[in-house]
Amino acid sequence: MSTLKLTQIGNSVGVIFPKELLARLKVEKGDSLFWTEAANGVTLTPYDPELAAQLEEGREFMREYRDTFHQLAK
């Protein structure tokens, strides 16, 4: 575990991530990170949890109407 220091960036406060952490998260300058509440603090991820939930709902819908989609594809 290593420490990240908060630093002044213009009128805001930011964190400078080491290259190793950026590589592990598979993000680079300009990418977005998302945070969610967790039992022991927060979770930081490059994957949008809301988008993941919407995709799962879409998959469930397609499973439920699989036969209909199959007929429409003909």
N, C-alpha and C. Protein backbone atom coordinates (compact mmCIF):
# COMPACT_ATOMS: atom_id res chain seq x y z
N MET A 1 0.85 -1.17 0.00
CA MET A 1 0.00 0.00 0.00
C MET A 1 0.90 1.23 0.00
N SER A 2 0.53 2.21 -0.79
CA SER A 2 1.27 3.46 -0.81
C SER A 2 0.31 4.63 -0.57
N THR A 3 0.87 5.77 -0.30
CA THR A 3 0.07 6.95 0.02
C THR A 3 -0.01 7.87 -1.18
N LEU A 4 -1.19 8.42 -1.41
CA LEU A 4 -1.39 9.44 -2.44
C LEU A 4 -1.62 10.76 -1.73
N LYS A 5 -0.97 11.79 -2.19
CA LYS A 5 -1.06 13.10 -1.55
C LYS A 5 -1.97 14.02 -2.35
N LEU A 6 -2.85 14.73 -1.63
CA LEU A 6 -3.70 15.73 -2.27
C LEU A 6 -2.86 16.96 -2.55
N THR A 7 -3.06 17.57 -3.70
CA THR A 7 -2.27 18.73 -4.09
C THR A 7 -3.16 19.78 -4.74
N GLN A 8 -2.77 21.03 -4.64
CA GLN A 8 -3.52 22.13 -5.25
C GLN A 8 -3.26 22.11 -6.76
N ILE A 9 -4.34 22.11 -7.55
CA ILE A 9 -4.25 22.18 -9.01
C ILE A 9 -5.18 23.31 -9.44
N GLY A 10 -4.61 24.48 -9.69
CA GLY A 10 -5.42 25.65 -10.00
C GLY A 10 -6.27 26.00 -8.80
N ASN A 11 -7.59 26.12 -9.00
CA ASN A 11 -8.51 26.41 -7.90
C ASN A 11 -9.09 25.14 -7.29
N SER A 12 -8.62 23.99 -7.73
CA SER A 12 -9.14 22.71 -7.26
C SER A 12 -8.08 21.95 -6.48
N VAL A 13 -8.49 20.84 -5.93
CA VAL A 13 -7.58 19.92 -5.25
C VAL A 13 -7.62 18.62 -6.03
N GLY A 14 -6.46 18.03 -6.27
CA GLY A 14 -6.39 16.80 -7.05
C GLY A 14 -5.39 15.83 -6.46
N VAL A 15 -5.36 14.67 -7.07
CA VAL A 15 -4.43 13.61 -6.68
C VAL A 15 -3.59 13.27 -7.89
N ILE A 16 -2.31 13.11 -7.70
CA ILE A 16 -1.42 12.68 -8.77
C ILE A 16 -1.22 11.17 -8.60
N PHE A 17 -1.62 10.41 -9.61
CA PHE A 17 -1.49 8.95 -9.55
C PHE A 17 -0.16 8.53 -10.14
N PRO A 18 0.54 7.61 -9.48
CA PRO A 18 1.79 7.11 -10.07
C PRO A 18 1.50 6.28 -11.32
N LYS A 19 2.47 6.21 -12.22
CA LYS A 19 2.31 5.47 -13.48
C LYS A 19 1.88 4.03 -13.24
N GLU A 20 2.41 3.41 -12.20
CA GLU A 20 2.07 2.00 -11.92
C GLU A 20 0.58 1.83 -11.63
N LEU A 21 0.01 2.78 -10.89
CA LEU A 21 -1.42 2.71 -10.58
C LEU A 21 -2.26 2.96 -11.82
N LEU A 22 -1.86 3.93 -12.65
CA LEU A 22 -2.59 4.18 -13.89
C LEU A 22 -2.56 2.96 -14.79
N ALA A 23 -1.42 2.29 -14.86
CA ALA A 23 -1.33 1.07 -15.68
C ALA A 23 -2.22 -0.03 -15.11
N ARG A 24 -2.26 -0.14 -13.80
CA ARG A 24 -3.09 -1.18 -13.18
C ARG A 24 -4.58 -0.92 -13.41
N LEU A 25 -4.97 0.37 -13.36
CA LEU A 25 -6.36 0.73 -13.63
C LEU A 25 -6.68 0.74 -15.12
N LYS A 26 -5.63 0.69 -15.96
CA LYS A 26 -5.77 0.74 -17.41
C LYS A 26 -6.44 2.03 -17.85
N VAL A 27 -5.95 3.14 -17.30
CA VAL A 27 -6.45 4.46 -17.66
C VAL A 27 -5.28 5.35 -18.03
N GLU A 28 -5.61 6.42 -18.73
CA GLU A 28 -4.59 7.41 -19.09
C GLU A 28 -5.22 8.79 -19.05
N LYS A 29 -4.43 9.79 -19.30
CA LYS A 29 -4.89 11.18 -19.25
C LYS A 29 -6.15 11.34 -20.11
N GLY A 30 -7.17 11.97 -19.54
CA GLY A 30 -8.42 12.21 -20.25
C GLY A 30 -9.50 11.19 -19.98
N ASP A 31 -9.15 10.02 -19.43
CA ASP A 31 -10.15 9.00 -19.11
C ASP A 31 -10.92 9.42 -17.85
N SER A 32 -12.08 8.80 -17.66
CA SER A 32 -12.90 9.06 -16.48
C SER A 32 -12.76 7.91 -15.49
N LEU A 33 -12.82 8.25 -14.21
CA LEU A 33 -12.86 7.25 -13.15
C LEU A 33 -14.17 7.43 -12.39
N PHE A 34 -14.72 6.34 -11.90
CA PHE A 34 -15.97 6.35 -11.16
C PHE A 34 -15.72 5.83 -9.76
N TRP A 35 -16.40 6.40 -8.79
CA TRP A 35 -16.25 5.91 -7.42
C TRP A 35 -17.61 5.53 -6.88
N THR A 36 -17.60 4.51 -6.04
CA THR A 36 -18.82 4.04 -5.38
C THR A 36 -18.50 3.82 -3.91
N GLU A 37 -19.52 3.94 -3.09
CA GLU A 37 -19.37 3.68 -1.66
C GLU A 37 -19.12 2.19 -1.46
N ALA A 38 -18.23 1.86 -0.55
CA ALA A 38 -17.94 0.48 -0.20
C ALA A 38 -17.95 0.36 1.32
N ALA A 39 -17.99 -0.86 1.80
CA ALA A 39 -18.05 -1.10 3.24
C ALA A 39 -16.85 -0.48 3.97
N ASN A 40 -15.70 -0.51 3.34
CA ASN A 40 -14.49 0.00 3.99
C ASN A 40 -14.00 1.33 3.41
N GLY A 41 -14.85 2.06 2.73
CA GLY A 41 -14.47 3.35 2.15
C GLY A 41 -15.11 3.55 0.80
N VAL A 42 -14.28 3.74 -0.23
CA VAL A 42 -14.78 3.92 -1.59
C VAL A 42 -14.02 3.00 -2.53
N THR A 43 -14.64 2.69 -3.66
CA THR A 43 -14.02 1.90 -4.72
C THR A 43 -13.85 2.81 -5.93
N LEU A 44 -12.66 2.82 -6.49
CA LEU A 44 -12.34 3.64 -7.65
C LEU A 44 -12.15 2.70 -8.85
N THR A 45 -12.90 2.96 -9.94
CA THR A 45 -12.85 2.08 -11.10
C THR A 45 -13.04 2.87 -12.39
N PRO A 46 -12.47 2.38 -13.50
CA PRO A 46 -12.70 3.04 -14.79
C PRO A 46 -14.02 2.62 -15.42
N TYR A 47 -14.73 1.66 -14.81
CA TYR A 47 -15.98 1.14 -15.37
C TYR A 47 -17.18 1.80 -14.71
N ASP A 48 -18.08 2.33 -15.52
CA ASP A 48 -19.27 3.02 -15.05
C ASP A 48 -20.26 2.00 -14.48
N PRO A 49 -20.50 1.98 -13.18
CA PRO A 49 -21.41 0.99 -12.60
C PRO A 49 -22.85 1.15 -13.10
N GLU A 50 -23.27 2.36 -13.42
CA GLU A 50 -24.62 2.56 -13.94
C GLU A 50 -24.75 1.94 -15.32
N LEU A 51 -23.74 2.08 -16.15
CA LEU A 51 -23.76 1.47 -17.48
C LEU A 51 -23.78 -0.05 -17.36
N ALA A 52 -23.03 -0.59 -16.43
CA ALA A 52 -23.01 -2.04 -16.23
C ALA A 52 -24.40 -2.54 -15.84
N ALA A 53 -25.09 -1.80 -14.99
CA ALA A 53 -26.45 -2.18 -14.58
C ALA A 53 -27.41 -2.12 -15.77
N GLN A 54 -27.29 -1.09 -16.60
CA GLN A 54 -28.15 -0.98 -17.78
C GLN A 54 -27.89 -2.11 -18.76
N LEU A 55 -26.63 -2.48 -18.95
CA LEU A 55 -26.30 -3.59 -19.84
C LEU A 55 -26.88 -4.90 -19.33
N GLU A 56 -26.83 -5.12 -18.03
CA GLU A 56 -27.39 -6.34 -17.46
C GLU A 56 -28.90 -6.38 -17.64
N GLU A 57 -29.58 -5.24 -17.46
CA GLU A 57 -31.02 -5.19 -17.70
C GLU A 57 -31.34 -5.51 -19.15
N GLY A 58 -30.53 -4.99 -20.07
CA GLY A 58 -30.73 -5.28 -21.49
C GLY A 58 -30.54 -6.75 -21.80
N ARG A 59 -29.53 -7.36 -21.19
CA ARG A 59 -29.29 -8.79 -21.39
C ARG A 59 -30.46 -9.63 -20.87
N GLU A 60 -31.00 -9.24 -19.69
CA GLU A 60 -32.15 -9.96 -19.15
C GLU A 60 -33.35 -9.83 -20.08
N PHE A 61 -33.58 -8.63 -20.62
CA PHE A 61 -34.67 -8.40 -21.55
C PHE A 61 -34.52 -9.28 -22.79
N MET A 62 -33.29 -9.33 -23.34
CA MET A 62 -33.06 -10.13 -24.54
C MET A 62 -33.22 -11.62 -24.25
N ARG A 63 -32.83 -12.06 -23.04
CA ARG A 63 -33.04 -13.47 -22.68
C ARG A 63 -34.52 -13.79 -22.59
N GLU A 64 -35.28 -12.87 -21.99
CA GLU A 64 -36.71 -13.09 -21.80
C GLU A 64 -37.44 -13.17 -23.14
N TYR A 65 -37.03 -12.34 -24.10
CA TYR A 65 -37.69 -12.30 -25.41
C TYR A 65 -36.82 -12.88 -26.51
N ARG A 66 -36.02 -13.88 -26.15
CA ARG A 66 -35.09 -14.50 -27.09
C ARG A 66 -35.81 -15.04 -28.33
N ASP A 67 -36.93 -15.72 -28.14
CA ASP A 67 -37.65 -16.28 -29.28
C ASP A 67 -38.19 -15.17 -30.20
N THR A 68 -38.67 -14.09 -29.62
CA THR A 68 -39.17 -12.98 -30.41
C THR A 68 -38.05 -12.36 -31.26
N PHE A 69 -36.89 -12.13 -30.64
CA PHE A 69 -35.75 -11.59 -31.38
C PHE A 69 -35.29 -12.55 -32.47
N HIS A 70 -35.36 -13.84 -32.20
CA HIS A 70 -34.97 -14.84 -33.20
C HIS A 70 -35.90 -14.75 -34.41
N GLN A 71 -37.20 -14.59 -34.16
CA GLN A 71 -38.17 -14.47 -35.26
C GLN A 71 -37.97 -13.16 -36.03
N LEU A 72 -37.68 -12.11 -35.32
CA LEU A 72 -37.46 -10.81 -35.99
C LEU A 72 -36.20 -10.84 -36.86
N ALA A 73 -35.24 -11.65 -36.48
CA ALA A 73 -33.98 -11.71 -37.22
C ALA A 73 -34.13 -12.45 -38.55
N LYS A 74 -35.20 -13.18 -38.71
CA LYS A 74 -35.39 -13.94 -39.97
C LYS A 74 -35.77 -13.04 -41.12
